[in-house]
Amino acid sequence: MNRKVLNIAGICILPFLTFLIFYFVADGFGMHTIKIILSQSMIPITLGLAMGCVMPAGLMDFSPGARVLLGAVIGGICAEHWRVPGLILGCFAGAMIGGFIIALLYRYLRIPSMVVSLGVVLVMEAVTDRIAKAFGGSTTVKISSELAEFTSYPNNIVITVLACVIFYYIYYKTKLGCLINATGNDEALLKGIGVKVESVKFKAFAVSGIFCFFGAMQQLCYSGSVAATTGMGTMNMVFKPMMGVLIAMQLIRLINNMPIMIIIGEIVIATIFNGFIALGLTDNIQNIVLGVFLLIVMGISENSSRFIEYRRKQEVRRKASPTTT
């Protein structure tokens, strides 16, 4: 019991420790930065929830950024005619359509998820660009400041918390969530007992569209406009959420609560990068740090089972060796 309390305390204090480090070393970093950090963390958290639906199943998905952009553009166009209902329905339609498209392509083309997601990114960005030009008049879709307040700070925190509650229910309280975890742990075993693994992965991709919907609303309202981009420009939206999910997948070994771990991971990442800005580091240096950090996190994530097995063997050898007196 004491160990569990220590784990909870250690993980929860991590964002505060990160904040305190930059508070003392960066002159422009202070209490006023908390609002910025929280506001900037909300979109990566919702994207992290979307990726958290598929990554535990052993899938790699780079399309959430493109799906968020598609939903935001359609939501902005619909908001011009039907105000808030149009914004909600447009974002939902665009995000869910994107989710079902990648789910269908992965299931029936039977090619690796990474390849499918990269192809979907290219095609979806081009389609989003055409939609924005055809119905919005330009590549940038704008909404009024009044509509932008719908998911602006602090409303975006409420929306993100709602998304986390939905994710928690799906991930821990439904059969699909159990099967997603089991697929990532031992896919061959599931196939052996008759579970249709491809159907599980299809549903995981489709369900991730729910959280892209929350991200699309926030992306559109964050600055009151959204610009369609091509050439894999939406990939930049994916790396920080991906790191947050990878961190969360390690932290749940200590506390089994994926949405809370994603929140902590994304807030820590946002704090680090705001700290870099306060220190005056250039974009190039920030990208270098992002790349190195991503490699470290993915390296630990991919090799954690080896580390655990190594420690287990060392413990067995220690117990098996005769004690010397």
Protein backbone atom coordinates (compact mmCIF):
# COMPACT_ATOMS: atom_id res chain seq x y z
CA MET A 1 0.00 0.00 0.00
CA ASN A 2 2.84 2.39 0.91
CA ARG A 3 4.59 1.62 -2.38
CA LYS A 4 1.43 2.46 -4.32
CA VAL A 5 1.08 5.77 -2.48
CA LEU A 6 4.71 6.60 -3.25
CA ASN A 7 4.17 5.79 -6.93
CA ILE A 8 1.12 8.06 -7.09
CA ALA A 9 2.94 10.88 -5.30
CA GLY A 10 6.05 10.53 -7.45
CA ILE A 11 4.16 10.63 -10.74
CA CYS A 12 1.80 13.45 -9.75
CA ILE A 13 4.68 15.62 -8.55
CA LEU A 14 6.55 15.22 -11.84
CA PRO A 15 4.86 18.20 -13.61
CA PHE A 16 5.48 20.41 -10.57
CA LEU A 17 9.15 19.48 -10.42
CA THR A 18 9.54 20.21 -14.13
CA PHE A 19 7.87 23.59 -13.62
CA LEU A 20 10.06 24.46 -10.64
CA ILE A 21 13.26 23.68 -12.57
CA PHE A 22 12.42 26.20 -15.29
CA TYR A 23 10.98 28.62 -12.74
CA PHE A 24 14.43 29.02 -11.22
CA VAL A 25 16.61 28.79 -14.36
CA ALA A 26 14.55 30.80 -16.90
CA ASP A 27 13.92 34.51 -16.29
CA GLY A 28 10.75 34.72 -18.41
CA PHE A 29 9.21 31.62 -16.87
CA GLY A 30 6.83 32.20 -13.96
CA MET A 31 3.35 31.68 -12.55
CA HIS A 32 1.85 33.45 -15.57
CA THR A 33 3.12 30.56 -17.68
CA ILE A 34 0.76 28.06 -16.02
CA LYS A 35 -2.23 29.27 -18.05
CA ILE A 36 -0.20 29.03 -21.27
CA ILE A 37 1.00 25.52 -20.43
CA LEU A 38 -2.50 24.28 -19.60
CA SER A 39 -4.02 25.86 -22.70
CA GLN A 40 -1.32 24.48 -24.99
CA SER A 41 -1.60 21.00 -23.47
CA MET A 42 -5.28 20.45 -24.23
CA ILE A 43 -5.01 19.69 -27.96
CA PRO A 44 -2.05 17.30 -27.52
CA ILE A 45 -3.97 15.54 -24.73
CA THR A 46 -6.99 14.90 -26.96
CA LEU A 47 -4.71 13.77 -29.80
CA GLY A 48 -2.93 11.59 -27.27
CA LEU A 49 -6.25 10.00 -26.32
CA ALA A 50 -6.88 9.28 -30.01
CA MET A 51 -3.46 7.63 -30.33
CA GLY A 52 -4.02 5.89 -26.99
CA CYS A 53 -6.85 3.94 -28.61
CA VAL A 54 -4.58 2.30 -31.20
CA MET A 55 -1.00 2.26 -29.88
CA PRO A 56 -1.69 -0.20 -27.01
CA ALA A 57 -2.96 -2.60 -29.70
CA GLY A 58 0.44 -2.52 -31.38
CA LEU A 59 -0.59 -0.07 -34.12
CA MET A 60 1.19 3.08 -35.25
CA ASP A 61 -0.99 5.96 -36.44
CA PHE A 62 0.27 9.27 -37.83
CA SER A 63 -3.13 10.42 -39.08
CA PRO A 64 -4.78 12.13 -36.05
CA GLY A 65 -3.38 15.52 -37.08
CA ALA A 66 -4.84 15.19 -40.59
CA ARG A 67 -8.16 14.02 -39.19
CA VAL A 68 -8.28 16.91 -36.73
CA LEU A 69 -7.56 19.34 -39.56
CA LEU A 70 -10.31 17.83 -41.73
CA GLY A 71 -12.81 18.07 -38.89
CA ALA A 72 -11.77 21.63 -38.03
CA VAL A 73 -12.13 22.82 -41.65
CA ILE A 74 -15.55 21.21 -42.09
CA GLY A 75 -16.63 22.50 -38.68
CA GLY A 76 -15.52 26.04 -39.55
CA ILE A 77 -17.41 25.97 -42.85
CA CYS A 78 -20.58 24.64 -41.19
CA ALA A 79 -20.25 27.18 -38.35
CA GLU A 80 -20.70 30.01 -40.89
CA HIS A 81 -24.22 28.78 -41.59
CA TRP A 82 -25.39 27.03 -38.39
CA ARG A 83 -23.25 28.61 -35.65
CA VAL A 84 -22.38 26.34 -32.69
CA PRO A 85 -24.46 23.31 -33.82
CA GLY A 86 -22.76 23.52 -37.21
CA LEU A 87 -19.34 23.73 -35.56
CA ILE A 88 -20.01 20.65 -33.43
CA LEU A 89 -21.60 18.56 -36.18
CA GLY A 90 -19.00 19.56 -38.77
CA CYS A 91 -16.06 18.73 -36.53
CA PHE A 92 -17.68 15.43 -35.53
CA ALA A 93 -18.45 14.43 -39.12
CA GLY A 94 -14.96 15.24 -40.41
CA ALA A 95 -13.15 13.49 -37.54
CA MET A 96 -15.33 10.37 -37.63
CA ILE A 97 -15.17 10.07 -41.42
CA GLY A 98 -11.40 10.18 -41.19
CA GLY A 99 -11.43 7.51 -38.48
CA PHE A 100 -13.61 5.12 -40.48
CA ILE A 101 -11.55 5.68 -43.66
CA ILE A 102 -8.27 4.64 -42.03
CA ALA A 103 -10.04 1.76 -40.25
CA LEU A 104 -11.45 0.41 -43.53
CA LEU A 105 -8.18 0.82 -45.39
CA TYR A 106 -6.19 -0.95 -42.70
CA ARG A 107 -8.64 -3.83 -42.46
CA TYR A 108 -9.08 -4.56 -46.15
CA LEU A 109 -5.72 -3.57 -47.65
CA ARG A 110 -3.89 -5.64 -45.00
CA ILE A 111 -0.74 -3.53 -45.03
CA PRO A 112 1.16 -2.15 -41.98
CA SER A 113 -0.68 0.53 -40.02
CA MET A 114 2.23 2.98 -40.39
CA VAL A 115 2.07 2.77 -44.19
CA VAL A 116 -1.72 3.16 -44.20
CA SER A 117 -1.61 6.17 -41.88
CA LEU A 118 1.07 7.93 -43.96
CA GLY A 119 -0.98 7.41 -47.12
CA VAL A 120 -4.10 8.68 -45.36
CA VAL A 121 -2.21 11.78 -44.20
CA LEU A 122 -1.19 12.70 -47.76
CA VAL A 123 -4.65 12.10 -49.24
CA MET A 124 -6.60 13.67 -46.38
CA GLU A 125 -4.48 16.82 -46.38
CA ALA A 126 -5.11 17.25 -50.12
CA VAL A 127 -8.85 16.65 -49.68
CA THR A 128 -8.99 19.12 -46.78
CA ASP A 129 -7.21 21.72 -48.91
CA ARG A 130 -9.75 21.26 -51.73
CA ILE A 131 -12.70 21.47 -49.34
CA ALA A 132 -11.37 24.68 -47.77
CA LYS A 133 -10.88 26.31 -51.17
CA ALA A 134 -14.20 25.11 -52.60
CA PHE A 135 -16.46 26.01 -49.66
CA GLY A 136 -14.41 28.47 -47.63
CA GLY A 137 -12.94 30.53 -50.45
CA SER A 138 -9.30 30.03 -49.37
CA THR A 139 -7.04 27.59 -47.57
CA THR A 140 -7.76 29.38 -44.28
CA VAL A 141 -11.16 28.93 -42.64
CA LYS A 142 -12.12 31.52 -40.02
CA ILE A 143 -14.85 31.78 -37.43
CA SER A 144 -16.04 34.74 -35.37
CA SER A 145 -14.44 35.53 -32.02
CA GLU A 146 -17.80 34.83 -30.40
CA LEU A 147 -17.79 31.26 -31.73
CA ALA A 148 -14.10 30.83 -30.87
CA GLU A 149 -14.96 31.29 -27.19
CA PHE A 150 -16.86 27.99 -27.31
CA THR A 151 -13.70 25.96 -26.61
CA SER A 152 -11.31 28.71 -25.54
CA TYR A 153 -9.63 28.70 -22.12
CA PRO A 154 -10.96 27.55 -19.64
CA ASN A 155 -13.72 25.80 -21.62
CA ASN A 156 -11.09 23.72 -23.41
CA ILE A 157 -10.11 22.20 -20.04
CA VAL A 158 -13.71 21.13 -19.42
CA ILE A 159 -13.93 19.59 -22.91
CA THR A 160 -10.63 17.76 -22.42
CA VAL A 161 -11.75 16.39 -19.05
CA LEU A 162 -14.95 15.13 -20.73
CA ALA A 163 -12.83 13.44 -23.41
CA CYS A 164 -10.70 11.81 -20.68
CA VAL A 165 -13.81 10.48 -18.92
CA ILE A 166 -15.09 8.97 -22.18
CA PHE A 167 -11.67 7.45 -22.86
CA TYR A 168 -11.51 5.97 -19.36
CA TYR A 169 -14.91 4.34 -19.78
CA ILE A 170 -14.02 2.86 -23.17
CA TYR A 171 -10.55 1.74 -22.13
CA TYR A 172 -11.37 0.21 -18.74
CA LYS A 173 -15.11 -0.49 -18.66
CA THR A 174 -15.87 -2.01 -22.09
CA LYS A 175 -15.06 -5.25 -23.85
CA LEU A 176 -13.35 -3.30 -26.65
CA GLY A 177 -10.90 -1.68 -24.23
CA CYS A 178 -10.01 -5.06 -22.76
CA LEU A 179 -9.45 -6.53 -26.23
CA ILE A 180 -7.29 -3.56 -27.31
CA ASN A 181 -4.97 -4.19 -24.38
CA ALA A 182 -4.98 -7.94 -24.95
CA THR A 183 -4.18 -7.49 -28.65
CA GLY A 184 -1.07 -5.51 -27.80
CA ASN A 185 0.03 -8.02 -25.17
CA ASP A 186 -0.46 -11.27 -27.10
CA GLU A 187 -2.18 -11.09 -30.47
CA ALA A 188 -1.42 -14.73 -31.32
CA LEU A 189 -3.15 -15.94 -28.16
CA LEU A 190 -6.30 -13.98 -29.01
CA LYS A 191 -6.37 -15.45 -32.50
CA GLY A 192 -5.95 -18.91 -30.99
CA ILE A 193 -9.07 -18.53 -28.84
CA GLY A 194 -11.15 -17.26 -31.77
CA VAL A 195 -11.09 -13.49 -31.26
CA LYS A 196 -11.27 -11.53 -34.52
CA VAL A 197 -8.22 -9.36 -33.99
CA GLU A 198 -8.67 -7.42 -37.23
CA SER A 199 -12.15 -6.40 -36.06
CA VAL A 200 -10.67 -5.15 -32.77
CA LYS A 201 -8.13 -3.01 -34.64
CA PHE A 202 -10.84 -1.70 -36.96
CA LYS A 203 -12.92 -0.59 -33.98
CA ALA A 204 -9.86 0.95 -32.29
CA PHE A 205 -9.20 3.16 -35.32
CA ALA A 206 -12.87 4.08 -35.60
CA VAL A 207 -13.23 4.95 -31.90
CA SER A 208 -10.14 7.16 -32.05
CA GLY A 209 -12.21 9.48 -34.25
CA ILE A 210 -14.20 10.51 -31.17
CA PHE A 211 -11.12 12.13 -29.65
CA CYS A 212 -10.06 13.67 -32.96
CA PHE A 213 -13.48 15.36 -32.84
CA PHE A 214 -12.63 16.99 -29.49
CA GLY A 215 -9.26 17.99 -30.91
CA ALA A 216 -10.86 19.47 -34.04
CA MET A 217 -13.12 21.74 -32.00
CA GLN A 218 -10.22 22.99 -29.94
CA GLN A 219 -7.95 23.43 -32.96
CA LEU A 220 -10.57 25.55 -34.73
CA CYS A 221 -11.35 27.71 -31.70
CA TYR A 222 -7.77 28.08 -30.43
CA SER A 223 -7.06 31.07 -32.68
CA GLY A 224 -10.42 31.42 -34.45
CA SER A 225 -9.01 30.09 -37.72
CA VAL A 226 -7.48 26.97 -39.19
CA ALA A 227 -5.29 26.71 -42.30
CA ALA A 228 -5.34 23.67 -44.55
CA THR A 229 -1.83 22.32 -45.12
CA THR A 230 -0.31 19.76 -47.46
CA GLY A 231 2.97 17.88 -47.76
CA MET A 232 2.54 16.07 -44.41
CA GLY A 233 2.37 19.38 -42.56
CA THR A 234 -0.02 17.84 -40.01
CA MET A 235 2.68 15.39 -38.90
CA ASN A 236 4.06 18.09 -36.59
CA MET A 237 0.84 17.85 -34.57
CA VAL A 238 1.45 14.17 -33.84
CA PHE A 239 4.93 13.90 -32.32
CA LYS A 240 4.24 15.52 -28.93
CA PRO A 241 1.02 13.52 -28.37
CA MET A 242 2.91 10.39 -29.41
CA MET A 243 5.59 11.07 -26.80
CA GLY A 244 2.89 11.64 -24.19
CA VAL A 245 1.29 8.28 -24.99
CA LEU A 246 4.64 6.47 -24.93
CA ILE A 247 5.38 8.02 -21.53
CA ALA A 248 1.89 7.04 -20.34
CA MET A 249 2.37 3.43 -21.50
CA GLN A 250 5.41 3.24 -19.21
CA LEU A 251 3.82 5.05 -16.28
CA ILE A 252 0.75 2.78 -16.19
CA ARG A 253 3.09 0.06 -14.94
CA LEU A 254 3.05 2.08 -11.71
CA ILE A 255 -0.50 3.48 -11.84
CA ASN A 256 -2.97 1.85 -14.20
CA ASN A 257 -4.87 4.94 -15.37
CA MET A 258 -4.08 5.75 -18.99
CA PRO A 259 -5.91 9.13 -19.37
CA ILE A 260 -4.30 10.55 -16.21
CA MET A 261 -0.88 9.36 -17.37
CA ILE A 262 -1.43 10.97 -20.79
CA ILE A 263 -2.39 14.25 -19.09
CA ILE A 264 0.76 14.17 -16.96
CA GLY A 265 2.97 13.29 -19.94
CA GLU A 266 1.59 16.06 -22.15
CA ILE A 267 1.77 18.71 -19.40
CA VAL A 268 5.40 17.79 -18.71
CA ILE A 269 6.24 18.06 -22.43
CA ALA A 270 4.43 21.42 -22.74
CA THR A 271 6.27 22.69 -19.65
CA ILE A 272 9.64 21.65 -21.08
CA PHE A 273 9.09 23.38 -24.41
CA ASN A 274 7.73 26.56 -22.83
CA GLY A 275 10.81 26.50 -20.63
CA PHE A 276 13.01 26.25 -23.73
CA ILE A 277 11.26 29.28 -25.22
CA ALA A 278 11.81 31.22 -21.98
CA LEU A 279 15.50 30.30 -22.16
CA GLY A 280 15.64 31.73 -25.68
CA LEU A 281 16.41 28.48 -27.49
CA THR A 282 15.81 28.56 -31.26
CA ASP A 283 13.31 26.36 -33.11
CA ASN A 284 16.16 24.25 -34.51
CA ILE A 285 17.46 23.43 -31.05
CA GLN A 286 13.94 22.69 -29.83
CA ASN A 287 13.44 20.29 -32.77
CA ILE A 288 16.74 18.58 -31.96
CA VAL A 289 15.67 18.14 -28.34
CA LEU A 290 12.24 16.87 -29.50
CA GLY A 291 13.89 14.32 -31.79
CA VAL A 292 16.35 13.12 -29.15
CA PHE A 293 13.60 12.96 -26.52
CA LEU A 294 11.38 10.97 -28.92
CA LEU A 295 14.21 8.50 -29.61
CA ILE A 296 14.88 8.06 -25.90
CA VAL A 297 11.20 7.55 -25.03
CA MET A 298 10.62 5.12 -27.91
CA GLY A 299 13.85 3.28 -27.07
CA ILE A 300 12.76 2.81 -23.47
CA SER A 301 9.23 1.86 -24.56
CA GLU A 302 10.36 -0.74 -27.08
CA ASN A 303 13.01 -2.30 -24.81
CA SER A 304 11.25 -2.10 -21.45
CA SER A 305 10.30 -5.79 -21.61
CA ARG A 306 13.98 -6.67 -22.11
CA PHE A 307 14.95 -4.58 -19.10
CA ILE A 308 12.31 -6.30 -16.98
CA GLU A 309 13.42 -9.75 -18.15
CA TYR A 310 17.07 -8.88 -17.45
CA ARG A 311 16.24 -7.76 -13.91
CA ARG A 312 14.18 -10.92 -13.39
CA LYS A 313 17.08 -13.12 -14.46
CA GLN A 314 19.49 -11.19 -12.25
CA GLU A 315 17.16 -11.66 -9.30
CA VAL A 316 16.87 -15.40 -10.01
CA ARG A 317 20.66 -15.72 -10.21
CA ARG A 318 21.08 -13.77 -6.96
CA LYS A 319 18.63 -16.03 -5.12
CA ALA A 320 20.12 -19.18 -6.66
CA SER A 321 23.74 -18.33 -5.76
CA PRO A 322 24.91 -19.75 -2.42
CA THR A 323 25.28 -17.21 0.36
CA THR A 324 28.75 -16.71 1.70
CA THR A 325 29.41 -16.40 5.39
